[in-house]
Amino acid sequence: MKCENCSKKECSKKQKNDDTQSASVDALGSNDGSEEKNEFETLANAKILLSDCLACDSCMTLEEGARVFQQNQKEFFHILNLNKKCDTSKHKVLAVSLCPQSLPYFAAKFNLSVNEAAKRLCGFLKSLGVHYVFDTTIAADFSILESQREFVQRYQRRNQEEHALPMFASACPGWIRYAERVLTNLVTSHICTAKSPQQIMGSLVKGYFARQKNLSPDKIFHVVVAPCYDKKLEALREDFYTALYNSAEVDCVLTSGEIVQIMEQKNVSMKDVTEVAVDSLFDDLKEGDVVRHDGKRSDGYLEHIFKHAAKELFGVDVKEITYKALKNKDFQEVTLEKDGETVLRFAAAYGFRNIQNMVLKLKKGKFFYHFVEVLACPGGCLNGKGQAQTEDGKPDRALLAQMEEVYTAIPVRLPETNLQVQRMYQDWLEGVDSKKVQDTLHTTYSAVNQSTSSLDIKW
């Protein structure tokens, strides 16, 4: 673990020696051996390596490392076992939220439709003792709508505010961690303030849903199933914790692969699990079929913001977006022309090599994009290191290709057409432009270590 006070720091994201980068749950976990034996004990020994996490140990303190490793199967099983005891005062309502980019993994791996995968995953989790299983697509609706609105506002302020543009997407915690810990405020000031879908889902579950069920937020244990390990780090952010209730928005993140480990250790096949419909946040509605947003392998921030900005700022209705690949397939450009002039220039930058090149151009004043969808994983969220990996830790390309087919076949729903979202803006958030919207759906990002700049990074 490197000292955070060092003035120079070599990013280890490109280092190949996993032995020096890795630490196991046993090394950094907080288990003191006093935990009571229970039926889940044999399922809690799967190890998570720091090399699995994009925010490697150059960016993590020992305390953070220990807290990340607490977000594993043991904590999940601990809550399940508390609920089996007679002391109801210690019981928790256990809610699990499923990320849309995780469902294609289960569908492809077990040769199911995405709707079958969602229902069987729900059935499996409820067989363990989970009370509610939600789909996080509605949280992504909020995140996209807030990001769209913020981009238009930034664009309109671009001549008065130095750091208004470019705007960088904020949904990827690996990128956010890198920006805050390694880059400077020159970069973090450009990051969209809208929370990620995971953390908005935390607000929905611990805020809106808790109120609907007349529950204190600390009486809900909220688990998110996600494609990557960096989501565990995101859940630990101090700004996603409510001191009044001693409650985090997301209590535990389990990767798709960790859920499969639990199935394997319990000797359960997805095809043998009873299908159970995914729950809705609304008492008067049932959750329908799985839907997604525009975008090849992510929640589609670039496509939605581009179309919205084209309409709002220039009165242009964009039906289809044409991507132009630049240096590689993970750096692509989208432009809008009007009256012979390029008025919008967007980009998608996936993977740390493209991110680093992007940042260097920004620092040199040679960056001409208005918005960039930034994702730490090459190939996007479907390629998260918490799923579709071979035993030696490499991407399972055949499975990933199947996942992409499954994902692109899911019907698209525009966030603007979600009537429940519009209702919640009024009933729960007190209007689209309210202070509660800012407090609930937004956060801030700033550089943590000012002495470290991107020029210190060796690739």
Protein backbone atom coordinates (compact mmCIF):
# COMPACT_ATOMS: atom_id res chain seq x y z
CA MET A 1 0.00 0.00 0.00
CA LYS A 2 1.59 3.28 -1.06
CA CYS A 3 1.76 6.28 1.22
CA GLU A 4 -0.79 8.88 0.21
CA ASN A 5 1.50 11.69 1.32
CA CYS A 6 4.13 10.93 -1.32
CA SER A 7 4.57 13.81 -3.74
CA LYS A 8 5.06 11.44 -6.68
CA LYS A 9 2.88 8.45 -7.32
CA GLU A 10 3.23 5.85 -10.05
CA CYS A 11 -0.17 4.63 -11.18
CA SER A 12 -0.20 0.85 -11.04
CA LYS A 13 -3.15 0.40 -13.37
CA LYS A 14 -0.79 -0.69 -16.13
CA GLN A 15 1.44 -2.88 -13.93
CA LYS A 16 1.11 -6.58 -14.58
CA ASN A 17 2.45 -8.02 -11.34
CA ASP A 18 -0.76 -9.01 -9.61
CA ASP A 19 1.15 -10.68 -6.78
CA THR A 20 2.44 -7.34 -5.51
CA GLN A 21 -0.87 -5.62 -6.08
CA SER A 22 -3.15 -8.17 -4.48
CA ALA A 23 -4.39 -8.46 -0.94
CA SER A 24 -7.06 -10.90 0.15
CA VAL A 25 -10.12 -10.59 2.31
CA ASP A 26 -8.29 -12.50 5.02
CA ALA A 27 -5.45 -9.97 5.06
CA LEU A 28 -7.54 -6.83 5.29
CA GLY A 29 -10.90 -8.06 6.52
CA SER A 30 -12.16 -7.22 9.97
CA ASN A 31 -13.23 -10.72 11.00
CA ASP A 32 -11.89 -11.40 14.49
CA GLY A 33 -12.91 -15.05 14.58
CA SER A 34 -15.79 -14.46 16.97
CA GLU A 35 -18.55 -14.60 14.38
CA GLU A 36 -21.22 -17.12 15.20
CA LYS A 37 -21.32 -20.27 13.06
CA ASN A 38 -24.23 -20.30 10.69
CA GLU A 39 -25.59 -21.98 7.58
CA PHE A 40 -23.92 -19.44 5.30
CA GLU A 41 -20.44 -19.82 6.82
CA THR A 42 -19.05 -21.95 4.01
CA LEU A 43 -20.27 -19.46 1.41
CA ALA A 44 -18.41 -16.48 2.85
CA ASN A 45 -14.84 -17.43 2.03
CA ALA A 46 -14.57 -16.23 -1.57
CA LYS A 47 -11.64 -13.84 -1.86
CA ILE A 48 -11.61 -10.43 -3.52
CA LEU A 49 -8.27 -9.20 -4.81
CA LEU A 50 -7.21 -5.59 -4.96
CA SER A 51 -6.04 -6.33 -8.50
CA ASP A 52 -9.72 -6.93 -9.36
CA CYS A 53 -10.47 -3.32 -8.52
CA LEU A 54 -9.69 -0.56 -11.01
CA ALA A 55 -9.01 1.80 -8.10
CA CYS A 56 -5.85 -0.10 -7.18
CA ASP A 57 -3.89 0.26 -3.96
CA SER A 58 -2.18 3.43 -5.17
CA CYS A 59 -5.53 5.14 -4.61
CA MET A 60 -6.65 3.39 -1.42
CA THR A 61 -5.76 3.75 2.23
CA LEU A 62 -5.55 0.71 4.50
CA GLU A 63 -8.78 1.76 6.21
CA GLU A 64 -10.58 2.04 2.88
CA GLY A 65 -9.24 -1.35 1.85
CA ALA A 66 -10.60 -2.94 5.01
CA ARG A 67 -13.99 -1.30 4.52
CA VAL A 68 -14.18 -2.43 0.90
CA PHE A 69 -13.56 -6.02 1.96
CA GLN A 70 -16.38 -5.78 4.48
CA GLN A 71 -18.68 -5.34 1.49
CA ASN A 72 -18.63 -9.03 0.68
CA GLN A 73 -20.78 -12.09 1.06
CA LYS A 74 -20.10 -12.31 4.81
CA GLU A 75 -21.89 -9.03 5.50
CA PHE A 76 -24.81 -10.09 3.33
CA PHE A 77 -25.07 -13.43 5.14
CA HIS A 78 -24.71 -11.73 8.51
CA ILE A 79 -27.90 -9.75 7.84
CA LEU A 80 -29.70 -12.85 6.54
CA ASN A 81 -28.87 -14.68 9.76
CA LEU A 82 -29.89 -11.77 11.99
CA ASN A 83 -33.30 -11.97 10.38
CA LYS A 84 -33.60 -15.66 11.27
CA LYS A 85 -33.25 -14.93 14.99
CA CYS A 86 -36.13 -14.25 17.36
CA ASP A 87 -34.98 -10.77 18.38
CA THR A 88 -37.08 -8.83 15.89
CA SER A 89 -35.61 -5.52 17.07
CA LYS A 90 -32.43 -6.44 15.18
CA HIS A 91 -34.19 -7.49 12.00
CA LYS A 92 -33.50 -5.57 8.76
CA VAL A 93 -35.56 -5.22 5.63
CA LEU A 94 -33.22 -6.59 2.98
CA ALA A 95 -33.50 -4.91 -0.42
CA VAL A 96 -31.38 -5.80 -3.46
CA SER A 97 -31.08 -3.54 -6.54
CA LEU A 98 -29.98 -5.03 -9.87
CA CYS A 99 -27.94 -3.00 -12.37
CA PRO A 100 -29.08 -3.30 -16.02
CA GLN A 101 -25.52 -4.17 -17.13
CA SER A 102 -25.48 -7.19 -14.79
CA LEU A 103 -28.60 -8.87 -16.17
CA PRO A 104 -27.10 -9.69 -19.62
CA TYR A 105 -24.30 -11.54 -17.80
CA PHE A 106 -26.77 -13.87 -16.09
CA ALA A 107 -28.81 -14.22 -19.29
CA ALA A 108 -25.80 -15.12 -21.45
CA LYS A 109 -24.12 -17.34 -18.86
CA PHE A 110 -27.23 -19.44 -18.24
CA ASN A 111 -28.72 -19.22 -21.76
CA LEU A 112 -31.85 -17.35 -20.66
CA SER A 113 -33.75 -14.37 -21.95
CA VAL A 114 -32.99 -11.19 -20.02
CA ASN A 115 -36.50 -11.21 -18.54
CA GLU A 116 -36.10 -14.84 -17.43
CA ALA A 117 -32.72 -14.01 -15.93
CA ALA A 118 -34.18 -11.09 -13.94
CA LYS A 119 -37.04 -13.19 -12.57
CA ARG A 120 -34.87 -16.20 -11.71
CA LEU A 121 -32.27 -14.01 -10.06
CA CYS A 122 -35.09 -12.43 -8.07
CA GLY A 123 -36.37 -15.90 -7.15
CA PHE A 124 -32.92 -17.02 -6.01
CA LEU A 125 -32.33 -13.94 -3.86
CA LYS A 126 -35.75 -14.25 -2.24
CA SER A 127 -35.08 -17.93 -1.50
CA LEU A 128 -32.11 -16.73 0.58
CA GLY A 129 -34.30 -14.35 2.59
CA VAL A 130 -34.22 -11.11 0.59
CA HIS A 131 -37.46 -9.14 0.96
CA TYR A 132 -37.40 -6.87 -2.11
CA VAL A 133 -35.55 -6.99 -5.45
CA PHE A 134 -35.54 -3.82 -7.58
CA ASP A 135 -34.33 -2.80 -11.04
CA THR A 136 -32.09 0.30 -11.01
CA THR A 137 -33.23 1.53 -14.45
CA ILE A 138 -35.47 4.12 -12.80
CA ALA A 139 -32.43 5.53 -10.96
CA ALA A 140 -30.59 5.79 -14.28
CA ASP A 141 -33.63 7.71 -15.62
CA PHE A 142 -33.11 10.32 -12.91
CA SER A 143 -29.35 10.43 -13.43
CA ILE A 144 -29.67 10.93 -17.19
CA LEU A 145 -32.37 13.61 -16.85
CA GLU A 146 -30.28 15.54 -14.31
CA SER A 147 -27.16 15.19 -16.47
CA GLN A 148 -29.04 16.47 -19.53
CA ARG A 149 -30.30 19.49 -17.63
CA GLU A 150 -26.87 20.25 -16.21
CA PHE A 151 -25.18 20.05 -19.61
CA VAL A 152 -27.58 22.58 -21.15
CA GLN A 153 -26.99 24.93 -18.20
CA ARG A 154 -23.21 24.55 -18.48
CA TYR A 155 -23.33 25.17 -22.22
CA GLN A 156 -25.30 28.36 -21.69
CA ARG A 157 -22.72 29.52 -19.09
CA ARG A 158 -19.68 28.54 -21.16
CA ASN A 159 -18.62 32.12 -21.91
CA GLN A 160 -18.95 33.29 -18.31
CA GLU A 161 -17.59 30.25 -16.46
CA GLU A 162 -14.12 28.92 -17.19
CA HIS A 163 -14.78 25.30 -16.15
CA ALA A 164 -18.32 25.00 -17.51
CA LEU A 165 -17.19 22.91 -20.47
CA PRO A 166 -16.25 20.24 -21.25
CA MET A 167 -18.55 18.27 -18.98
CA PHE A 168 -17.48 14.75 -18.02
CA ALA A 169 -19.96 12.01 -17.11
CA SER A 170 -20.03 11.02 -13.43
CA ALA A 171 -21.54 7.51 -13.43
CA CYS A 172 -18.27 5.50 -13.42
CA PRO A 173 -16.70 5.27 -9.93
CA GLY A 174 -13.33 4.05 -11.27
CA TRP A 175 -13.00 7.22 -13.32
CA ILE A 176 -14.25 9.40 -10.45
CA ARG A 177 -11.78 7.84 -8.03
CA TYR A 178 -8.93 8.39 -10.46
CA ALA A 179 -9.97 11.99 -11.10
CA GLU A 180 -10.22 12.87 -7.38
CA ARG A 181 -7.10 11.03 -6.18
CA VAL A 182 -4.71 11.52 -9.08
CA LEU A 183 -5.86 14.48 -11.18
CA THR A 184 -6.37 18.10 -10.16
CA ASN A 185 -9.35 20.40 -9.66
CA LEU A 186 -8.80 21.47 -13.26
CA VAL A 187 -10.42 18.11 -14.12
CA THR A 188 -12.81 17.52 -11.22
CA SER A 189 -14.51 20.88 -11.77
CA HIS A 190 -15.66 19.57 -15.16
CA ILE A 191 -17.38 16.47 -13.75
CA CYS A 192 -21.18 16.42 -13.88
CA THR A 193 -22.64 16.71 -10.38
CA ALA A 194 -25.50 14.25 -10.99
CA LYS A 195 -25.16 11.15 -8.84
CA SER A 196 -24.60 7.78 -10.48
CA PRO A 197 -27.59 5.43 -10.90
CA GLN A 198 -26.30 3.31 -8.01
CA GLN A 199 -26.34 6.16 -5.54
CA ILE A 200 -29.62 7.62 -6.78
CA MET A 201 -31.05 4.13 -6.25
CA GLY A 202 -29.70 4.38 -2.71
CA SER A 203 -31.63 7.61 -2.24
CA LEU A 204 -34.76 6.01 -3.67
CA VAL A 205 -34.56 2.97 -1.41
CA LYS A 206 -33.47 4.72 1.79
CA GLY A 207 -35.57 7.83 1.11
CA TYR A 208 -38.66 7.36 -1.02
CA PHE A 209 -39.24 3.63 -0.42
CA ALA A 210 -38.46 3.88 3.30
CA ARG A 211 -41.05 6.63 3.65
CA GLN A 212 -43.63 4.60 1.71
CA LYS A 213 -43.13 1.66 4.07
CA ASN A 214 -42.87 3.86 7.18
CA LEU A 215 -39.36 2.57 7.89
CA SER A 216 -36.31 4.33 9.29
CA PRO A 217 -33.47 4.17 6.69
CA ASP A 218 -31.22 2.31 9.14
CA LYS A 219 -33.80 -0.50 9.26
CA ILE A 220 -33.15 -1.23 5.57
CA PHE A 221 -30.05 -3.09 4.41
CA HIS A 222 -29.55 -2.14 0.78
CA VAL A 223 -27.44 -4.34 -1.51
CA VAL A 224 -26.56 -3.49 -5.11
CA VAL A 225 -25.57 -6.14 -7.67
CA ALA A 226 -23.15 -4.46 -10.10
CA PRO A 227 -20.69 -5.33 -12.88
CA CYS A 228 -17.54 -3.96 -11.21
CA TYR A 229 -15.69 -3.81 -7.89
CA ASP A 230 -15.29 -0.03 -7.97
CA LYS A 231 -18.97 0.25 -7.08
CA LYS A 232 -17.95 -0.96 -3.61
CA LEU A 233 -15.68 2.08 -3.25
CA GLU A 234 -18.42 4.39 -4.46
CA ALA A 235 -20.80 3.15 -1.77
CA LEU A 236 -18.26 4.21 0.89
CA ARG A 237 -18.17 7.89 -0.07
CA GLU A 238 -18.91 10.14 2.92
CA ASP A 239 -21.37 12.23 0.91
CA PHE A 240 -23.51 9.12 0.44
CA TYR A 241 -23.96 8.62 4.19
CA THR A 242 -26.67 10.08 6.45
CA ALA A 243 -25.31 10.68 9.95
CA LEU A 244 -28.78 11.38 11.37
CA TYR A 245 -29.81 7.76 10.74
CA ASN A 246 -26.30 6.25 10.85
CA SER A 247 -27.11 4.87 7.43
CA ALA A 248 -25.37 4.66 4.03
CA GLU A 249 -27.42 4.89 0.84
CA VAL A 250 -25.90 1.58 -0.26
CA ASP A 251 -24.79 -0.78 2.50
CA CYS A 252 -23.14 -3.47 0.39
CA VAL A 253 -22.18 -4.03 -3.24
CA LEU A 254 -21.86 -7.54 -4.64
CA THR A 255 -20.60 -8.12 -8.16
CA SER A 256 -22.44 -10.35 -10.62
CA GLY A 257 -19.63 -12.87 -10.26
CA GLU A 258 -20.03 -12.95 -6.49
CA ILE A 259 -23.72 -13.80 -6.88
CA VAL A 260 -22.77 -16.69 -9.17
CA GLN A 261 -20.25 -17.86 -6.53
CA ILE A 262 -23.07 -18.00 -3.98
CA MET A 263 -25.18 -20.04 -6.40
CA GLU A 264 -22.33 -22.46 -7.05
CA GLN A 265 -21.52 -22.87 -3.36
CA LYS A 266 -25.17 -23.56 -2.62
CA ASN A 267 -25.24 -25.95 -5.59
CA VAL A 268 -28.13 -24.05 -7.16
CA SER A 269 -28.67 -23.80 -10.91
CA MET A 270 -30.39 -20.73 -12.34
CA LYS A 271 -32.52 -23.01 -14.50
CA ASP A 272 -33.91 -24.73 -11.40
CA VAL A 273 -34.89 -21.50 -9.64
CA THR A 274 -38.54 -20.44 -9.56
CA GLU A 275 -39.24 -17.25 -11.47
CA VAL A 276 -40.42 -14.37 -9.27
CA ALA A 277 -41.37 -10.95 -10.63
CA VAL A 278 -39.03 -8.08 -9.74
CA ASP A 279 -40.53 -5.66 -7.22
CA SER A 280 -41.63 -2.09 -7.90
CA LEU A 281 -40.90 0.93 -5.71
CA PHE A 282 -44.57 1.83 -6.10
CA ASP A 283 -47.32 -0.01 -4.24
CA ASP A 284 -49.85 0.50 -7.03
CA LEU A 285 -47.65 -0.80 -9.86
CA LYS A 286 -45.96 -4.03 -10.90
CA GLU A 287 -42.54 -4.03 -12.52
CA GLY A 288 -42.75 -4.76 -16.25
CA ASP A 289 -40.24 -6.29 -18.65
CA VAL A 290 -36.60 -5.22 -18.54
CA VAL A 291 -35.85 -2.03 -20.49
CA ARG A 292 -32.64 -0.10 -21.11
CA HIS A 293 -31.42 3.28 -22.34
CA ASP A 294 -29.80 4.16 -25.65
CA GLY A 295 -26.12 3.28 -25.61
CA LYS A 296 -24.10 0.27 -26.66
CA ARG A 297 -22.70 -0.98 -23.36
CA SER A 298 -23.67 1.58 -20.75
CA ASP A 299 -26.58 3.72 -19.60
CA GLY A 300 -26.21 5.88 -22.70
CA TYR A 301 -25.34 9.26 -21.25
CA LEU A 302 -23.72 10.43 -24.47
CA GLU A 303 -26.69 9.58 -26.69
CA HIS A 304 -29.35 11.01 -24.39
CA ILE A 305 -27.48 14.21 -23.58
CA PHE A 306 -26.53 14.73 -27.24
CA LYS A 307 -30.12 14.40 -28.50
CA HIS A 308 -31.47 16.55 -25.66
CA ALA A 309 -28.87 19.30 -26.22
CA ALA A 310 -29.42 19.28 -29.98
CA LYS A 311 -33.13 19.86 -29.44
CA GLU A 312 -32.92 22.32 -26.54
CA LEU A 313 -30.01 24.43 -27.78
CA PHE A 314 -30.33 24.27 -31.57
CA GLY A 315 -33.86 23.03 -32.31
CA VAL A 316 -32.52 19.95 -34.11
CA ASP A 317 -34.30 16.60 -33.76
CA VAL A 318 -31.62 13.89 -33.87
CA LYS A 319 -33.07 10.46 -34.58
CA GLU A 320 -29.92 8.38 -35.08
CA ILE A 321 -26.41 9.03 -33.79
CA THR A 322 -23.37 8.25 -35.93
CA TYR A 323 -20.19 7.34 -34.06
CA LYS A 324 -16.81 8.01 -35.61
CA ALA A 325 -13.99 5.86 -34.22
CA LEU A 326 -10.76 7.81 -33.77
CA LYS A 327 -7.52 6.25 -32.45
CA ASN A 328 -9.27 3.06 -31.34
CA LYS A 329 -12.74 1.57 -30.93
CA ASP A 330 -12.91 2.83 -27.33
CA PHE A 331 -12.49 6.48 -28.30
CA GLN A 332 -15.34 7.63 -30.51
CA GLU A 333 -16.71 10.99 -31.55
CA VAL A 334 -20.20 12.33 -32.29
CA THR A 335 -20.81 15.76 -33.81
CA LEU A 336 -23.75 17.99 -34.72
CA GLU A 337 -23.51 20.41 -37.60
CA LYS A 338 -25.83 23.32 -38.28
CA ASP A 339 -25.46 25.81 -41.12
CA GLY A 340 -22.08 24.34 -41.99
CA GLU A 341 -20.70 24.79 -38.45
CA THR A 342 -19.96 22.10 -35.86
CA VAL A 343 -22.02 23.20 -32.88
CA LEU A 344 -21.76 20.09 -30.67
CA ARG A 345 -18.80 17.76 -30.33
CA PHE A 346 -19.16 14.79 -27.98
CA ALA A 347 -16.88 11.83 -27.31
CA ALA A 348 -16.92 8.45 -25.59
CA ALA A 349 -13.62 7.61 -23.87
CA TYR A 350 -13.39 4.11 -22.42
CA GLY A 351 -10.34 2.67 -20.66
CA PHE A 352 -7.55 4.43 -18.77
CA ARG A 353 -5.25 4.90 -21.76
CA ASN A 354 -7.92 6.93 -23.55
CA ILE A 355 -8.74 8.77 -20.32
CA GLN A 356 -5.09 9.71 -19.82
CA ASN A 357 -4.77 11.01 -23.38
CA MET A 358 -7.96 12.99 -22.91
CA VAL A 359 -6.64 14.62 -19.72
CA LEU A 360 -3.28 15.51 -21.27
CA LYS A 361 -5.05 17.27 -24.15
CA LEU A 362 -7.26 19.12 -21.68
CA LYS A 363 -4.22 20.38 -19.78
CA LYS A 364 -2.56 21.51 -22.98
CA GLY A 365 -5.66 23.44 -24.03
CA LYS A 366 -6.17 21.21 -27.07
CA PHE A 367 -9.42 19.58 -26.01
CA PHE A 368 -12.42 20.66 -28.06
CA TYR A 369 -15.20 18.38 -26.86
CA HIS A 370 -18.29 19.71 -25.10
CA PHE A 371 -19.14 16.42 -23.35
CA VAL A 372 -17.33 13.13 -22.76
CA GLU A 373 -18.86 9.89 -21.56
CA VAL A 374 -15.96 8.52 -19.51
CA LEU A 375 -15.84 4.86 -18.44
CA ALA A 376 -12.85 3.18 -16.81
CA CYS A 377 -13.43 -0.23 -18.41
CA PRO A 378 -12.42 -0.76 -22.04
CA GLY A 379 -15.61 -1.74 -23.81
CA GLY A 380 -17.82 -0.11 -21.19
CA CYS A 381 -19.83 -1.35 -18.22
CA LEU A 382 -20.68 -4.78 -19.63
CA ASN A 383 -16.94 -5.49 -19.47
CA GLY A 384 -16.75 -4.72 -15.74
CA LYS A 385 -14.20 -6.87 -13.92
CA GLY A 386 -16.88 -8.27 -11.62
CA GLN A 387 -18.34 -10.34 -14.46
CA ALA A 388 -17.41 -12.06 -17.73
CA GLN A 389 -13.90 -12.90 -16.55
CA THR A 390 -12.03 -16.17 -17.14
CA GLU A 391 -10.37 -18.01 -14.25
CA ASP A 392 -7.05 -16.28 -14.97
CA GLY A 393 -8.72 -12.85 -14.74
CA LYS A 394 -8.93 -12.08 -18.45
CA PRO A 395 -12.09 -10.99 -20.26
CA ASP A 396 -14.23 -13.89 -21.46
CA ARG A 397 -14.63 -12.52 -24.97
CA ALA A 398 -17.09 -15.16 -26.16
CA LEU A 399 -19.37 -14.55 -23.19
CA LEU A 400 -18.98 -10.79 -23.56
CA ALA A 401 -20.07 -10.99 -27.21
CA GLN A 402 -23.20 -12.89 -26.12
CA MET A 403 -23.85 -10.28 -23.42
CA GLU A 404 -23.65 -7.47 -25.98
CA GLU A 405 -26.21 -9.26 -28.17
CA VAL A 406 -28.52 -9.66 -25.19
CA TYR A 407 -28.08 -6.05 -24.12
CA THR A 408 -28.71 -4.50 -27.53
CA ALA A 409 -31.88 -6.61 -27.89
CA ILE A 410 -33.44 -5.11 -24.74
CA PRO A 411 -36.14 -2.53 -25.64
CA VAL A 412 -35.14 1.12 -25.16
CA ARG A 413 -37.22 3.46 -22.98
CA LEU A 414 -36.60 7.19 -22.94
CA PRO A 415 -36.28 8.56 -19.39
CA GLU A 416 -38.59 11.45 -20.33
CA THR A 417 -41.42 8.96 -20.93
CA ASN A 418 -41.27 7.40 -17.46
CA LEU A 419 -44.43 8.71 -15.80
CA GLN A 420 -43.33 7.46 -12.37
CA VAL A 421 -40.20 9.60 -12.57
CA GLN A 422 -42.25 12.67 -13.47
CA ARG A 423 -44.62 11.92 -10.57
CA MET A 424 -41.75 11.56 -8.12
CA TYR A 425 -40.24 14.88 -9.19
CA GLN A 426 -43.45 16.51 -7.97
CA ASP A 427 -44.55 14.31 -5.07
CA TRP A 428 -41.19 13.38 -3.56
CA LEU A 429 -38.66 15.94 -4.78
CA GLU A 430 -40.89 19.05 -4.60
CA GLY A 431 -40.42 20.04 -8.25
CA VAL A 432 -37.75 19.76 -10.94
CA ASP A 433 -35.83 22.86 -9.82
CA SER A 434 -36.16 22.39 -6.07
CA LYS A 435 -33.42 22.40 -3.45
CA LYS A 436 -34.42 18.82 -2.62
CA VAL A 437 -33.49 17.75 -6.15
CA GLN A 438 -30.02 19.22 -5.68
CA ASP A 439 -29.62 17.64 -2.23
CA THR A 440 -30.96 14.23 -3.27
CA LEU A 441 -29.78 13.70 -6.85
CA HIS A 442 -26.50 15.65 -6.94
CA THR A 443 -23.12 15.66 -5.21
CA THR A 444 -19.74 17.40 -5.64
CA TYR A 445 -16.32 16.19 -6.76
CA SER A 446 -12.95 17.71 -5.89
CA ALA A 447 -9.30 16.72 -5.98
CA VAL A 448 -8.14 14.94 -2.82
CA ASN A 449 -4.38 15.14 -3.30
CA GLN A 450 -3.36 18.44 -4.85
CA SER A 451 0.34 17.50 -4.96
CA THR A 452 -0.24 14.79 -7.53
CA SER A 453 -0.86 15.64 -11.16
CA SER A 454 -1.47 13.55 -14.22
CA LEU A 455 2.05 14.35 -15.39
CA ASP A 456 3.34 12.21 -12.50
CA ILE A 457 1.65 9.14 -13.91
CA LYS A 458 3.94 6.65 -15.68
CA TRP A 459 2.37 4.44 -18.31
